[in-house]
Structure formats: structure tokens, C-alpha cells
Amino acid sequence: MKILVVDDNRLLATVLADHLAALGHEAVAAFDGHLAEIFCDRDGYDLVVLDMVLPEIDGVDLLERLRKKHHHCRAVVITGFSELRDKETARLEQLGVSDVLEKPFSFSDVDAIVERVAI
């Protein structure tokens, strides 16, 4: 599966992409919304794992942009918020978010979500 990991925390994005690559996925890290959009337009991805809080283009706005161009791409949101507001949750559901991964998370959490999304 082709996976794009988008997080402004470069270490987290890189480690997560490396972990997914070690599991056999084609995984790449992007550190802001503009770069993620360029990667998606150029390479296409089956899954985007993205942080809600990104510089320049936030995660939800990025997801809206990607949905207009790449309808098939699934998304998992990473958030540091322990509780998403109902309004945010509804917006994410409308955008077809497959799952929400709350920080801090473990690799086993990521593995389970990716396995579920891959089905």
C-alpha cells in the first residue's frame, strides 16, 4: 500500500514512515500541507496519515483539497486532542476519515489501523 505520512514533527513523520516501510508498505513522509498536496498530486497514495495541526494548510483543509482531486484515497487523522469537538468529528466523517489516532500512540495502534483500512 502507498502511504503518505504528514506531520510537522519531522522525527515523528519520518519514524512512522520508516516503520510502515519496514512492514512492506511504500511510505513517504511530508512535513507540511503544501508538500503533502504536491506529493499526492504527483504520486497518488492509497492512504494518507495526517496530523490535524499543520503549518500553512491545516489537516482538515488539506484533506478537503485532497478529496476534491483524489476521491479514492483513504485518510487517518493524527491528533493531540484527547477529545475532538462534535463539529470537528462530523466534518472528519463527512470527509471520509477512516480512523482517528490520538497522540501518544504505539506502533501496534498504527499497525491495527493500517490493517483495518487496507481491507
PDB file of N, CA and C in Angstrom:
ATOM      1  N   MET A   1       0.855  -1.173   0.000  1.00  0.00           N
ATOM      2  CA  MET A   1       0.000   0.000   0.000  1.00  0.00           C
ATOM      3  C   MET A   1       0.902   1.238   0.000  1.00  0.00           C
ATOM      4  N   LYS A   2       0.528   2.242  -0.788  1.00  0.00           N
ATOM      5  CA  LYS A   2       1.264   3.515  -0.801  1.00  0.00           C
ATOM      6  C   LYS A   2       0.680   4.418   0.279  1.00  0.00           C
ATOM      7  N   ILE A   3       1.541   4.841   1.219  1.00  0.00           N
ATOM      8  CA  ILE A   3       1.092   5.626   2.366  1.00  0.00           C
ATOM      9  C   ILE A   3       1.910   6.907   2.465  1.00  0.00           C
ATOM     10  N   LEU A   4       1.217   8.019   2.643  1.00  0.00           N
ATOM     11  CA  LEU A   4       1.855   9.310   2.899  1.00  0.00           C
ATOM     12  C   LEU A   4       1.592   9.688   4.346  1.00  0.00           C
ATOM     13  N   VAL A   5       2.652   9.938   5.098  1.00  0.00           N
ATOM     14  CA  VAL A   5       2.549  10.372   6.488  1.00  0.00           C
ATOM     15  C   VAL A   5       2.832  11.865   6.518  1.00  0.00           C
ATOM     16  N   VAL A   6       1.893  12.650   7.057  1.00  0.00           N
ATOM     17  CA  VAL A   6       2.029  14.104   7.070  1.00  0.00           C
ATOM     18  C   VAL A   6       1.975  14.597   8.510  1.00  0.00           C
ATOM     19  N   ASP A   7       3.093  15.138   8.982  1.00  0.00           N
ATOM     20  CA  ASP A   7       3.158  15.700  10.332  1.00  0.00           C
ATOM     21  C   ASP A   7       4.297  16.707  10.351  1.00  0.00           C
ATOM     22  N   ASP A   8       4.074  17.845  10.990  1.00  0.00           N
ATOM     23  CA  ASP A   8       5.127  18.853  11.051  1.00  0.00           C
ATOM     24  C   ASP A   8       6.237  18.464  12.027  1.00  0.00           C
ATOM     25  N   ASN A   9       6.004  17.461  12.844  1.00  0.00           N
ATOM     26  CA  ASN A   9       7.054  16.900  13.679  1.00  0.00           C
ATOM     27  C   ASN A   9       7.853  15.955  12.782  1.00  0.00           C
ATOM     28  N   ARG A  10       8.976  16.451  12.297  1.00  0.00           N
ATOM     29  CA  ARG A  10       9.760  15.698  11.306  1.00  0.00           C
ATOM     30  C   ARG A  10      10.201  14.331  11.817  1.00  0.00           C
ATOM     31  N   LEU A  11      10.577  14.268  13.081  1.00  0.00           N
ATOM     32  CA  LEU A  11      11.010  12.994  13.640  1.00  0.00           C
ATOM     33  C   LEU A  11       9.864  11.989  13.648  1.00  0.00           C
ATOM     34  N   LEU A  12       8.703  12.408  14.120  1.00  0.00           N
ATOM     35  CA  LEU A  12       7.546  11.523  14.164  1.00  0.00           C
ATOM     36  C   LEU A  12       7.158  11.048  12.764  1.00  0.00           C
ATOM     37  N   ALA A  13       7.077  11.966  11.820  1.00  0.00           N
ATOM     38  CA  ALA A  13       6.685  11.604  10.452  1.00  0.00           C
ATOM     39  C   ALA A  13       7.675  10.627   9.830  1.00  0.00           C
ATOM     40  N   THR A  14       8.958  10.879  10.028  1.00  0.00           N
ATOM     41  CA  THR A  14       9.992  10.023   9.449  1.00  0.00           C
ATOM     42  C   THR A  14       9.999   8.638  10.095  1.00  0.00           C
ATOM     43  N   VAL A  15       9.918   8.600  11.418  1.00  0.00           N
ATOM     44  CA  VAL A  15       9.912   7.310  12.124  1.00  0.00           C
ATOM     45  C   VAL A  15       8.678   6.497  11.737  1.00  0.00           C
ATOM     46  N   LEU A  16       7.541   7.149  11.654  1.00  0.00           N
ATOM     47  CA  LEU A  16       6.310   6.448  11.289  1.00  0.00           C
ATOM     48  C   LEU A  16       6.383   5.930   9.843  1.00  0.00           C
ATOM     49  N   ALA A  17       6.874   6.747   8.931  1.00  0.00           N
ATOM     50  CA  ALA A  17       7.024   6.306   7.539  1.00  0.00           C
ATOM     51  C   ALA A  17       8.025   5.151   7.447  1.00  0.00           C
ATOM     52  N   ASP A  18       9.122   5.230   8.187  1.00  0.00           N
ATOM     53  CA  ASP A  18      10.108   4.144   8.189  1.00  0.00           C
ATOM     54  C   ASP A  18       9.509   2.857   8.740  1.00  0.00           C
ATOM     55  N   HIS A  19       8.717   2.978   9.797  1.00  0.00           N
ATOM     56  CA  HIS A  19       8.064   1.803  10.384  1.00  0.00           C
ATOM     57  C   HIS A  19       7.133   1.154   9.363  1.00  0.00           C
ATOM     58  N   LEU A  20       6.327   1.956   8.699  1.00  0.00           N
ATOM     59  CA  LEU A  20       5.396   1.422   7.698  1.00  0.00           C
ATOM     60  C   LEU A  20       6.133   0.801   6.519  1.00  0.00           C
ATOM     61  N   ALA A  21       7.249   1.402   6.134  1.00  0.00           N
ATOM     62  CA  ALA A  21       8.067   0.843   5.053  1.00  0.00           C
ATOM     63  C   ALA A  21       8.651  -0.511   5.465  1.00  0.00           C
ATOM     64  N   ALA A  22       9.056  -0.629   6.721  1.00  0.00           N
ATOM     65  CA  ALA A  22       9.602  -1.889   7.221  1.00  0.00           C
ATOM     66  C   ALA A  22       8.551  -3.002   7.203  1.00  0.00           C
ATOM     67  N   LEU A  23       7.281  -2.612   7.254  1.00  0.00           N
ATOM     68  CA  LEU A  23       6.188  -3.589   7.186  1.00  0.00           C
ATOM     69  C   LEU A  23       5.831  -3.962   5.746  1.00  0.00           C
ATOM     70  N   GLY A  24       6.525  -3.334   4.782  1.00  0.00           N
ATOM     71  CA  GLY A  24       6.294  -3.674   3.383  1.00  0.00           C
ATOM     72  C   GLY A  24       5.495  -2.660   2.594  1.00  0.00           C
ATOM     73  N   HIS A  25       5.127  -1.568   3.235  1.00  0.00           N
ATOM     74  CA  HIS A  25       4.383  -0.524   2.526  1.00  0.00           C
ATOM     75  C   HIS A  25       5.358   0.439   1.857  1.00  0.00           C
ATOM     76  N   GLU A  26       4.885   1.109   0.824  1.00  0.00           N
ATOM     77  CA  GLU A  26       5.656   2.190   0.226  1.00  0.00           C
ATOM     78  C   GLU A  26       5.239   3.456   0.966  1.00  0.00           C
ATOM     79  N   ALA A  27       6.073   3.904   1.896  1.00  0.00           N
ATOM     80  CA  ALA A  27       5.693   5.012   2.769  1.00  0.00           C
ATOM     81  C   ALA A  27       6.674   6.172   2.645  1.00  0.00           C
ATOM     82  N   VAL A  28       6.103   7.376   2.616  1.00  0.00           N
ATOM     83  CA  VAL A  28       6.870   8.608   2.466  1.00  0.00           C
ATOM     84  C   VAL A  28       6.370   9.599   3.502  1.00  0.00           C
ATOM     85  N   ALA A  29       7.270  10.464   3.988  1.00  0.00           N
ATOM     86  CA  ALA A  29       6.901  11.495   4.959  1.00  0.00           C
ATOM     87  C   ALA A  29       6.887  12.866   4.293  1.00  0.00           C
ATOM     88  N   ALA A  30       5.917  13.687   4.695  1.00  0.00           N
ATOM     89  CA  ALA A  30       5.852  15.094   4.305  1.00  0.00           C
ATOM     90  C   ALA A  30       5.652  15.892   5.583  1.00  0.00           C
ATOM     91  N   PHE A  31       6.191  17.103   5.617  1.00  0.00           N
ATOM     92  CA  PHE A  31       6.217  17.860   6.859  1.00  0.00           C
ATOM     93  C   PHE A  31       5.298  19.081   6.881  1.00  0.00           C
ATOM     94  N   ASP A  32       4.585  19.312   5.792  1.00  0.00           N
ATOM     95  CA  ASP A  32       3.597  20.392   5.776  1.00  0.00           C
ATOM     96  C   ASP A  32       2.544  20.079   4.713  1.00  0.00           C
ATOM     97  N   GLY A  33       1.459  20.820   4.766  1.00  0.00           N
ATOM     98  CA  GLY A  33       0.338  20.566   3.878  1.00  0.00           C
ATOM     99  C   GLY A  33       0.643  20.799   2.408  1.00  0.00           C
ATOM    100  N   HIS A  34       1.443  21.831   2.107  1.00  0.00           N
ATOM    101  CA  HIS A  34       1.775  22.110   0.707  1.00  0.00           C
ATOM    102  C   HIS A  34       2.567  20.957   0.093  1.00  0.00           C
ATOM    103  N   LEU A  35       3.569  20.476   0.814  1.00  0.00           N
ATOM    104  CA  LEU A  35       4.371  19.369   0.318  1.00  0.00           C
ATOM    105  C   LEU A  35       3.519  18.108   0.169  1.00  0.00           C
ATOM    106  N   ALA A  36       2.642  17.872   1.115  1.00  0.00           N
ATOM    107  CA  ALA A  36       1.753  16.708   1.040  1.00  0.00           C
ATOM    108  C   ALA A  36       0.860  16.777  -0.194  1.00  0.00           C
ATOM    109  N   GLU A  37       0.331  17.946  -0.473  1.00  0.00           N
ATOM    110  CA  GLU A  37      -0.528  18.109  -1.649  1.00  0.00           C
ATOM    111  C   GLU A  37       0.254  17.854  -2.936  1.00  0.00           C
ATOM    112  N   ILE A  38       1.474  18.337  -2.988  1.00  0.00           N
ATOM    113  CA  ILE A  38       2.327  18.110  -4.163  1.00  0.00           C
ATOM    114  C   ILE A  38       2.599  16.612  -4.332  1.00  0.00           C
ATOM    115  N   PHE A  39       2.960  15.938  -3.227  1.00  0.00           N
ATOM    116  CA  PHE A  39       3.219  14.501  -3.292  1.00  0.00           C
ATOM    117  C   PHE A  39       1.989  13.741  -3.783  1.00  0.00           C
ATOM    118  N   CYS A  40       0.819  14.080  -3.256  1.00  0.00           N
ATOM    119  CA  CYS A  40      -0.412  13.383  -3.656  1.00  0.00           C
ATOM    120  C   CYS A  40      -0.729  13.623  -5.124  1.00  0.00           C
ATOM    121  N   ASP A  41      -0.570  14.853  -5.567  1.00  0.00           N
ATOM    122  CA  ASP A  41      -0.837  15.164  -6.974  1.00  0.00           C
ATOM    123  C   ASP A  41       0.134  14.421  -7.884  1.00  0.00           C
ATOM    124  N   ARG A  42       1.377  14.337  -7.468  1.00  0.00           N
ATOM    125  CA  ARG A  42       2.412  13.732  -8.304  1.00  0.00           C
ATOM    126  C   ARG A  42       2.387  12.204  -8.257  1.00  0.00           C
ATOM    127  N   ASP A  43       2.221  11.635  -7.053  1.00  0.00           N
ATOM    128  CA  ASP A  43       2.435  10.201  -6.884  1.00  0.00           C
ATOM    129  C   ASP A  43       1.185   9.394  -6.570  1.00  0.00           C
ATOM    130  N   GLY A  44       0.162  10.032  -6.037  1.00  0.00           N
ATOM    131  CA  GLY A  44      -1.037   9.306  -5.629  1.00  0.00           C
ATOM    132  C   GLY A  44      -0.727   8.363  -4.470  1.00  0.00           C
ATOM    133  N   TYR A  45      -1.651   8.243  -3.547  1.00  0.00           N
ATOM    134  CA  TYR A  45      -1.468   7.381  -2.380  1.00  0.00           C
ATOM    135  C   TYR A  45      -2.774   6.669  -2.071  1.00  0.00           C
ATOM    136  N   ASP A  46      -2.646   5.489  -1.484  1.00  0.00           N
ATOM    137  CA  ASP A  46      -3.815   4.729  -1.056  1.00  0.00           C
ATOM    138  C   ASP A  46      -4.314   5.212   0.295  1.00  0.00           C
ATOM    139  N   LEU A  47      -3.378   5.713   1.113  1.00  0.00           N
ATOM    140  CA  LEU A  47      -3.700   6.150   2.464  1.00  0.00           C
ATOM    141  C   LEU A  47      -2.852   7.352   2.827  1.00  0.00           C
ATOM    142  N   VAL A  48      -3.487   8.344   3.436  1.00  0.00           N
ATOM    143  CA  VAL A  48      -2.773   9.488   3.988  1.00  0.00           C
ATOM    144  C   VAL A  48      -3.016   9.481   5.490  1.00  0.00           C
ATOM    145  N   VAL A  49      -1.920   9.484   6.240  1.00  0.00           N
ATOM    146  CA  VAL A  49      -1.979   9.576   7.699  1.00  0.00           C
ATOM    147  C   VAL A  49      -1.533  10.992   8.017  1.00  0.00           C
ATOM    148  N   LEU A  50      -2.463  11.843   8.491  1.00  0.00           N
ATOM    149  CA  LEU A  50      -2.104  13.240   8.639  1.00  0.00           C
ATOM    150  C   LEU A  50      -2.489  13.826   9.983  1.00  0.00           C
ATOM    151  N   ASP A  51      -1.624  14.715  10.429  1.00  0.00           N
ATOM    152  CA  ASP A  51      -1.847  15.446  11.659  1.00  0.00           C
ATOM    153  C   ASP A  51      -2.890  16.525  11.408  1.00  0.00           C
ATOM    154  N   MET A  52      -3.674  16.824  12.418  1.00  0.00           N
ATOM    155  CA  MET A  52      -4.687  17.874  12.302  1.00  0.00           C
ATOM    156  C   MET A  52      -4.052  19.264  12.256  1.00  0.00           C
ATOM    157  N   VAL A  53      -2.969  19.450  13.003  1.00  0.00           N
ATOM    158  CA  VAL A  53      -2.348  20.767  13.114  1.00  0.00           C
ATOM    159  C   VAL A  53      -1.072  20.777  12.277  1.00  0.00           C
ATOM    160  N   LEU A  54      -1.147  21.490  11.154  1.00  0.00           N
ATOM    161  CA  LEU A  54      -0.013  21.606  10.246  1.00  0.00           C
ATOM    162  C   LEU A  54       0.226  23.075   9.926  1.00  0.00           C
ATOM    163  N   PRO A  55       1.457  23.430   9.607  1.00  0.00           N
ATOM    164  CA  PRO A  55       1.703  24.818   9.196  1.00  0.00           C
ATOM    165  C   PRO A  55       1.104  25.099   7.823  1.00  0.00           C
ATOM    166  N   GLU A  56       0.680  26.300   7.616  1.00  0.00           N
ATOM    167  CA  GLU A  56       0.164  26.821   6.348  1.00  0.00           C
ATOM    168  C   GLU A  56      -1.202  26.262   5.968  1.00  0.00           C
ATOM    169  N   ILE A  57      -1.327  24.959   5.792  1.00  0.00           N
ATOM    170  CA  ILE A  57      -2.614  24.338   5.492  1.00  0.00           C
ATOM    171  C   ILE A  57      -2.867  23.337   6.605  1.00  0.00           C
ATOM    172  N   ASP A  58      -3.947  23.507   7.375  1.00  0.00           N
ATOM    173  CA  ASP A  58      -4.179  22.537   8.456  1.00  0.00           C
ATOM    174  C   ASP A  58      -4.677  21.216   7.880  1.00  0.00           C
ATOM    175  N   GLY A  59      -4.685  20.191   8.710  1.00  0.00           N
ATOM    176  CA  GLY A  59      -5.007  18.847   8.260  1.00  0.00           C
ATOM    177  C   GLY A  59      -6.375  18.714   7.624  1.00  0.00           C
ATOM    178  N   VAL A  60      -7.372  19.370   8.189  1.00  0.00           N
ATOM    179  CA  VAL A  60      -8.727  19.257   7.648  1.00  0.00           C
ATOM    180  C   VAL A  60      -8.816  19.962   6.296  1.00  0.00           C
ATOM    181  N   ASP A  61      -8.226  21.144   6.186  1.00  0.00           N
ATOM    182  CA  ASP A  61      -8.234  21.848   4.892  1.00  0.00           C
ATOM    183  C   ASP A  61      -7.479  21.050   3.828  1.00  0.00           C
ATOM    184  N   LEU A  62      -6.363  20.455   4.224  1.00  0.00           N
ATOM    185  CA  LEU A  62      -5.613  19.614   3.299  1.00  0.00           C
ATOM    186  C   LEU A  62      -6.469  18.440   2.842  1.00  0.00           C
ATOM    187  N   LEU A  63      -7.137  17.817   3.779  1.00  0.00           N
ATOM    188  CA  LEU A  63      -7.986  16.678   3.431  1.00  0.00           C
ATOM    189  C   LEU A  63      -9.104  17.094   2.480  1.00  0.00           C
ATOM    190  N   GLU A  64      -9.693  18.257   2.703  1.00  0.00           N
ATOM    191  CA  GLU A  64     -10.728  18.752   1.786  1.00  0.00           C
ATOM    192  C   GLU A  64     -10.158  18.927   0.376  1.00  0.00           C
ATOM    193  N   ARG A  65      -8.971  19.485   0.280  1.00  0.00           N
ATOM    194  CA  ARG A  65      -8.329  19.676  -1.031  1.00  0.00           C
ATOM    195  C   ARG A  65      -8.060  18.337  -1.709  1.00  0.00           C
ATOM    196  N   LEU A  66      -7.551  17.387  -0.923  1.00  0.00           N
ATOM    197  CA  LEU A  66      -7.233  16.076  -1.489  1.00  0.00           C
ATOM    198  C   LEU A  66      -8.484  15.344  -1.941  1.00  0.00           C
ATOM    199  N   ARG A  67      -9.560  15.480  -1.190  1.00  0.00           N
ATOM    200  CA  ARG A  67     -10.819  14.804  -1.537  1.00  0.00           C
ATOM    201  C   ARG A  67     -11.349  15.281  -2.889  1.00  0.00           C
ATOM    202  N   LYS A  68     -11.143  16.547  -3.208  1.00  0.00           N
ATOM    203  CA  LYS A  68     -11.623  17.083  -4.482  1.00  0.00           C
ATOM    204  C   LYS A  68     -10.894  16.462  -5.662  1.00  0.00           C
ATOM    205  N   LYS A  69      -9.646  16.063  -5.448  1.00  0.00           N
ATOM    206  CA  LYS A  69      -8.833  15.534  -6.544  1.00  0.00           C
ATOM    207  C   LYS A  69      -8.622  14.022  -6.486  1.00  0.00           C
ATOM    208  N   HIS A  70      -8.582  13.481  -5.296  1.00  0.00           N
ATOM    209  CA  HIS A  70      -8.203  12.076  -5.108  1.00  0.00           C
ATOM    210  C   HIS A  70      -9.276  11.376  -4.276  1.00  0.00           C
ATOM    211  N   HIS A  71     -10.401  11.117  -4.858  1.00  0.00           N
ATOM    212  CA  HIS A  71     -11.554  10.572  -4.144  1.00  0.00           C
ATOM    213  C   HIS A  71     -11.273   9.203  -3.522  1.00  0.00           C
ATOM    214  N   HIS A  72     -10.417   8.432  -4.140  1.00  0.00           N
ATOM    215  CA  HIS A  72     -10.164   7.065  -3.688  1.00  0.00           C
ATOM    216  C   HIS A  72      -9.265   6.986  -2.455  1.00  0.00           C
ATOM    217  N   CYS A  73      -8.523   8.018  -2.174  1.00  0.00           N
ATOM    218  CA  CYS A  73      -7.529   7.985  -1.099  1.00  0.00           C
ATOM    219  C   CYS A  73      -8.196   7.955   0.279  1.00  0.00           C
ATOM    220  N   ARG A  74      -7.797   6.994   1.092  1.00  0.00           N
ATOM    221  CA  ARG A  74      -8.313   6.910   2.461  1.00  0.00           C
ATOM    222  C   ARG A  74      -7.462   7.771   3.374  1.00  0.00           C
ATOM    223  N   ALA A  75      -8.017   8.149   4.518  1.00  0.00           N
ATOM    224  CA  ALA A  75      -7.287   9.017   5.438  1.00  0.00           C
ATOM    225  C   ALA A  75      -7.467   8.571   6.877  1.00  0.00           C
ATOM    226  N   VAL A  76      -6.379   8.699   7.627  1.00  0.00           N
ATOM    227  CA  VAL A  76      -6.374   8.507   9.071  1.00  0.00           C
ATOM    228  C   VAL A  76      -5.817   9.799   9.649  1.00  0.00           C
ATOM    229  N   VAL A  77      -6.501  10.338  10.635  1.00  0.00           N
ATOM    230  CA  VAL A  77      -6.092  11.594  11.243  1.00  0.00           C
ATOM    231  C   VAL A  77      -5.324  11.315  12.533  1.00  0.00           C
ATOM    232  N   ILE A  78      -4.213  12.025  12.699  1.00  0.00           N
ATOM    233  CA  ILE A  78      -3.447  12.005  13.945  1.00  0.00           C
ATOM    234  C   ILE A  78      -3.800  13.292  14.683  1.00  0.00           C
ATOM    235  N   THR A  79      -4.103  13.175  15.964  1.00  0.00           N
ATOM    236  CA  THR A  79      -4.428  14.372  16.726  1.00  0.00           C
ATOM    237  C   THR A  79      -3.866  14.284  18.134  1.00  0.00           C
ATOM    238  N   GLY A  80      -3.476  15.424  18.644  1.00  0.00           N
ATOM    239  CA  GLY A  80      -3.030  15.507  20.024  1.00  0.00           C
ATOM    240  C   GLY A  80      -4.173  15.859  20.950  1.00  0.00           C
ATOM    241  N   PHE A  81      -5.337  16.103  20.374  1.00  0.00           N
ATOM    242  CA  PHE A  81      -6.505  16.465  21.163  1.00  0.00           C
ATOM    243  C   PHE A  81      -7.138  15.215  21.732  1.00  0.00           C
ATOM    244  N   SER A  82      -7.338  15.179  23.032  1.00  0.00           N
ATOM    245  CA  SER A  82      -7.923  13.979  23.631  1.00  0.00           C
ATOM    246  C   SER A  82      -9.389  13.830  23.252  1.00  0.00           C
ATOM    247  N   GLU A  83     -10.044  14.936  22.989  1.00  0.00           N
ATOM    248  CA  GLU A  83     -11.439  14.884  22.557  1.00  0.00           C
ATOM    249  C   GLU A  83     -11.640  15.847  21.405  1.00  0.00           C
ATOM    250  N   LEU A  84     -12.079  15.326  20.295  1.00  0.00           N
ATOM    251  CA  LEU A  84     -12.447  16.199  19.195  1.00  0.00           C
ATOM    252  C   LEU A  84     -13.848  16.723  19.455  1.00  0.00           C
ATOM    253  N   ARG A  85     -14.059  17.967  19.139  1.00  0.00           N
ATOM    254  CA  ARG A  85     -15.408  18.517  19.285  1.00  0.00           C
ATOM    255  C   ARG A  85     -16.345  17.835  18.294  1.00  0.00           C
ATOM    256  N   ASP A  86     -17.613  17.784  18.633  1.00  0.00           N
ATOM    257  CA  ASP A  86     -18.608  17.139  17.771  1.00  0.00           C
ATOM    258  C   ASP A  86     -18.569  17.699  16.355  1.00  0.00           C
ATOM    259  N   LYS A  87     -18.402  19.010  16.257  1.00  0.00           N
ATOM    260  CA  LYS A  87     -18.361  19.659  14.951  1.00  0.00           C
ATOM    261  C   LYS A  87     -17.172  19.142  14.128  1.00  0.00           C
ATOM    262  N   GLU A  88     -16.002  19.014  14.773  1.00  0.00           N
ATOM    263  CA  GLU A  88     -14.817  18.519  14.066  1.00  0.00           C
ATOM    264  C   GLU A  88     -14.994  17.056  13.675  1.00  0.00           C
ATOM    265  N   THR A  89     -15.542  16.268  14.576  1.00  0.00           N
ATOM    266  CA  THR A  89     -15.762  14.849  14.300  1.00  0.00           C
ATOM    267  C   THR A  89     -16.705  14.679  13.120  1.00  0.00           C
ATOM    268  N   ALA A  90     -17.779  15.447  13.086  1.00  0.00           N
ATOM    269  CA  ALA A  90     -18.738  15.368  11.977  1.00  0.00           C
ATOM    270  C   ALA A  90     -18.071  15.762  10.661  1.00  0.00           C
ATOM    271  N   ARG A  91     -17.254  16.800  10.692  1.00  0.00           N
ATOM    272  CA  ARG A  91     -16.562  17.250   9.476  1.00  0.00           C
ATOM    273  C   ARG A  91     -15.606  16.166   8.973  1.00  0.00           C
ATOM    274  N   LEU A  92     -14.891  15.525   9.891  1.00  0.00           N
ATOM    275  CA  LEU A  92     -13.969  14.455   9.501  1.00  0.00           C
ATOM    276  C   LEU A  92     -14.727  13.268   8.909  1.00  0.00           C
ATOM    277  N   GLU A  93     -15.864  12.939   9.499  1.00  0.00           N
ATOM    278  CA  GLU A  93     -16.675  11.839   8.972  1.00  0.00           C
ATOM    279  C   GLU A  93     -17.165  12.156   7.561  1.00  0.00           C
ATOM    280  N   GLN A  94     -17.573  13.402   7.340  1.00  0.00           N
ATOM    281  CA  GLN A  94     -18.025  13.818   6.004  1.00  0.00           C
ATOM    282  C   GLN A  94     -16.898  13.689   4.982  1.00  0.00           C
ATOM    283  N   LEU A  95     -15.667  13.907   5.429  1.00  0.00           N
ATOM    284  CA  LEU A  95     -14.513  13.832   4.545  1.00  0.00           C
ATOM    285  C   LEU A  95     -14.002  12.397   4.387  1.00  0.00           C
ATOM    286  N   GLY A  96     -14.677  11.450   5.020  1.00  0.00           N
ATOM    287  CA  GLY A  96     -14.335  10.050   4.847  1.00  0.00           C
ATOM    288  C   GLY A  96     -13.124   9.582   5.621  1.00  0.00           C
ATOM    289  N   VAL A  97     -12.850  10.188   6.757  1.00  0.00           N
ATOM    290  CA  VAL A  97     -11.721   9.750   7.576  1.00  0.00           C
ATOM    291  C   VAL A  97     -12.007   8.348   8.092  1.00  0.00           C
ATOM    292  N   SER A  98     -11.055   7.459   7.877  1.00  0.00           N
ATOM    293  CA  SER A  98     -11.220   6.061   8.270  1.00  0.00           C
ATOM    294  C   SER A  98     -11.077   5.859   9.767  1.00  0.00           C
ATOM    295  N   ASP A  99     -10.195   6.634  10.384  1.00  0.00           N
ATOM    296  CA  ASP A  99      -9.934   6.451  11.808  1.00  0.00           C
ATOM    297  C   ASP A  99      -9.213   7.676  12.344  1.00  0.00           C
ATOM    298  N   VAL A 100      -9.220   7.809  13.664  1.00  0.00           N
ATOM    299  CA  VAL A 100      -8.504   8.881  14.347  1.00  0.00           C
ATOM    300  C   VAL A 100      -7.514   8.228  15.297  1.00  0.00           C
ATOM    301  N   LEU A 101      -6.274   8.660  15.228  1.00  0.00           N
ATOM    302  CA  LEU A 101      -5.200   8.133  16.054  1.00  0.00           C
ATOM    303  C   LEU A 101      -4.765   9.238  17.002  1.00  0.00           C
ATOM    304  N   GLU A 102      -4.973   9.026  18.297  1.00  0.00           N
ATOM    305  CA  GLU A 102      -4.645  10.048  19.286  1.00  0.00           C
ATOM    306  C   GLU A 102      -3.206   9.900  19.769  1.00  0.00           C
ATOM    307  N   LYS A 103      -2.497  11.038  19.837  1.00  0.00           N
ATOM    308  CA  LYS A 103      -1.144  11.059  20.397  1.00  0.00           C
ATOM    309  C   LYS A 103      -1.241  10.998  21.914  1.00  0.00           C
ATOM    310  N   PRO A 104      -0.399  10.314  22.602  1.00  0.00           N
ATOM    311  CA  PRO A 104       0.641   9.433  22.075  1.00  0.00           C
ATOM    312  C   PRO A 104       0.042   8.104  21.641  1.00  0.00           C
ATOM    313  N   PHE A 105       0.649   7.492  20.655  1.00  0.00           N
ATOM    314  CA  PHE A 105       0.173   6.204  20.160  1.00  0.00           C
ATOM    315  C   PHE A 105       1.366   5.259  20.011  1.00  0.00           C
ATOM    316  N   SER A 106       1.064   3.989  19.873  1.00  0.00           N
ATOM    317  CA  SER A 106       2.121   2.986  19.715  1.00  0.00           C
ATOM    318  C   SER A 106       2.123   2.490  18.275  1.00  0.00           C
ATOM    319  N   PHE A 107       3.194   1.829  17.889  1.00  0.00           N
ATOM    320  CA  PHE A 107       3.247   1.236  16.557  1.00  0.00           C
ATOM    321  C   PHE A 107       2.155   0.200  16.382  1.00  0.00           C
ATOM    322  N   SER A 108       1.814  -0.523  17.446  1.00  0.00           N
ATOM    323  CA  SER A 108       0.751  -1.524  17.323  1.00  0.00           C
ATOM    324  C   SER A 108      -0.589  -0.853  17.023  1.00  0.00           C
ATOM    325  N   ASP A 109      -0.816   0.366  17.566  1.00  0.00           N
ATOM    326  CA  ASP A 109      -2.033   1.123  17.234  1.00  0.00           C
ATOM    327  C   ASP A 109      -2.053   1.461  15.744  1.00  0.00           C
ATOM    328  N   VAL A 110      -0.921   1.922  15.248  1.00  0.00           N
ATOM    329  CA  VAL A 110      -0.803   2.279  13.831  1.00  0.00           C
ATOM    330  C   VAL A 110      -1.011   1.043  12.962  1.00  0.00           C
ATOM    331  N   ASP A 111      -0.361  -0.059  13.332  1.00  0.00           N
ATOM    332  CA  ASP A 111      -0.463  -1.294  12.562  1.00  0.00           C
ATOM    333  C   ASP A 111      -1.908  -1.763  12.459  1.00  0.00           C
ATOM    334  N   ALA A 112      -2.620  -1.712  13.579  1.00  0.00           N
ATOM    335  CA  ALA A 112      -4.026  -2.158  13.603  1.00  0.00           C
ATOM    336  C   ALA A 112      -4.886  -1.302  12.687  1.00  0.00           C
ATOM    337  N   ILE A 113      -4.677   0.011  12.737  1.00  0.00           N
ATOM    338  CA  ILE A 113      -5.471   0.917  11.893  1.00  0.00           C
ATOM    339  C   ILE A 113      -5.147   0.703  10.421  1.00  0.00           C
ATOM    340  N   VAL A 114      -3.876   0.594  10.082  1.00  0.00           N
ATOM    341  CA  VAL A 114      -3.492   0.396   8.684  1.00  0.00           C
ATOM    342  C   VAL A 114      -4.044  -0.928   8.172  1.00  0.00           C
ATOM    343  N   GLU A 115      -3.995  -1.961   9.001  1.00  0.00           N
ATOM    344  CA  GLU A 115      -4.543  -3.260   8.600  1.00  0.00           C
ATOM    345  C   GLU A 115      -6.048  -3.160   8.349  1.00  0.00           C
ATOM    346  N   ARG A 116      -6.750  -2.437   9.224  1.00  0.00           N
ATOM    347  CA  ARG A 116      -8.198  -2.266   9.081  1.00  0.00           C
ATOM    348  C   ARG A 116      -8.535  -1.474   7.815  1.00  0.00           C
ATOM    349  N   VAL A 117      -7.771  -0.441   7.557  1.00  0.00           N
ATOM    350  CA  VAL A 117      -8.022   0.409   6.398  1.00  0.00           C
ATOM    351  C   VAL A 117      -7.695  -0.335   5.098  1.00  0.00           C
ATOM    352  N   ALA A 118      -6.729  -1.233   5.152  1.00  0.00           N
ATOM    353  CA  ALA A 118      -6.294  -1.949   3.952  1.00  0.00           C
ATOM    354  C   ALA A 118      -7.312  -2.962   3.463  1.00  0.00           C
ATOM    355  N   ILE A 119      -8.247  -3.331   4.306  1.00  0.00           N
ATOM    356  CA  ILE A 119      -9.240  -4.358   3.937  1.00  0.00           C
ATOM    357  C   ILE A 119     -10.232  -3.807   2.943  1.00  0.00           C
TER     358      ILE A 119
END
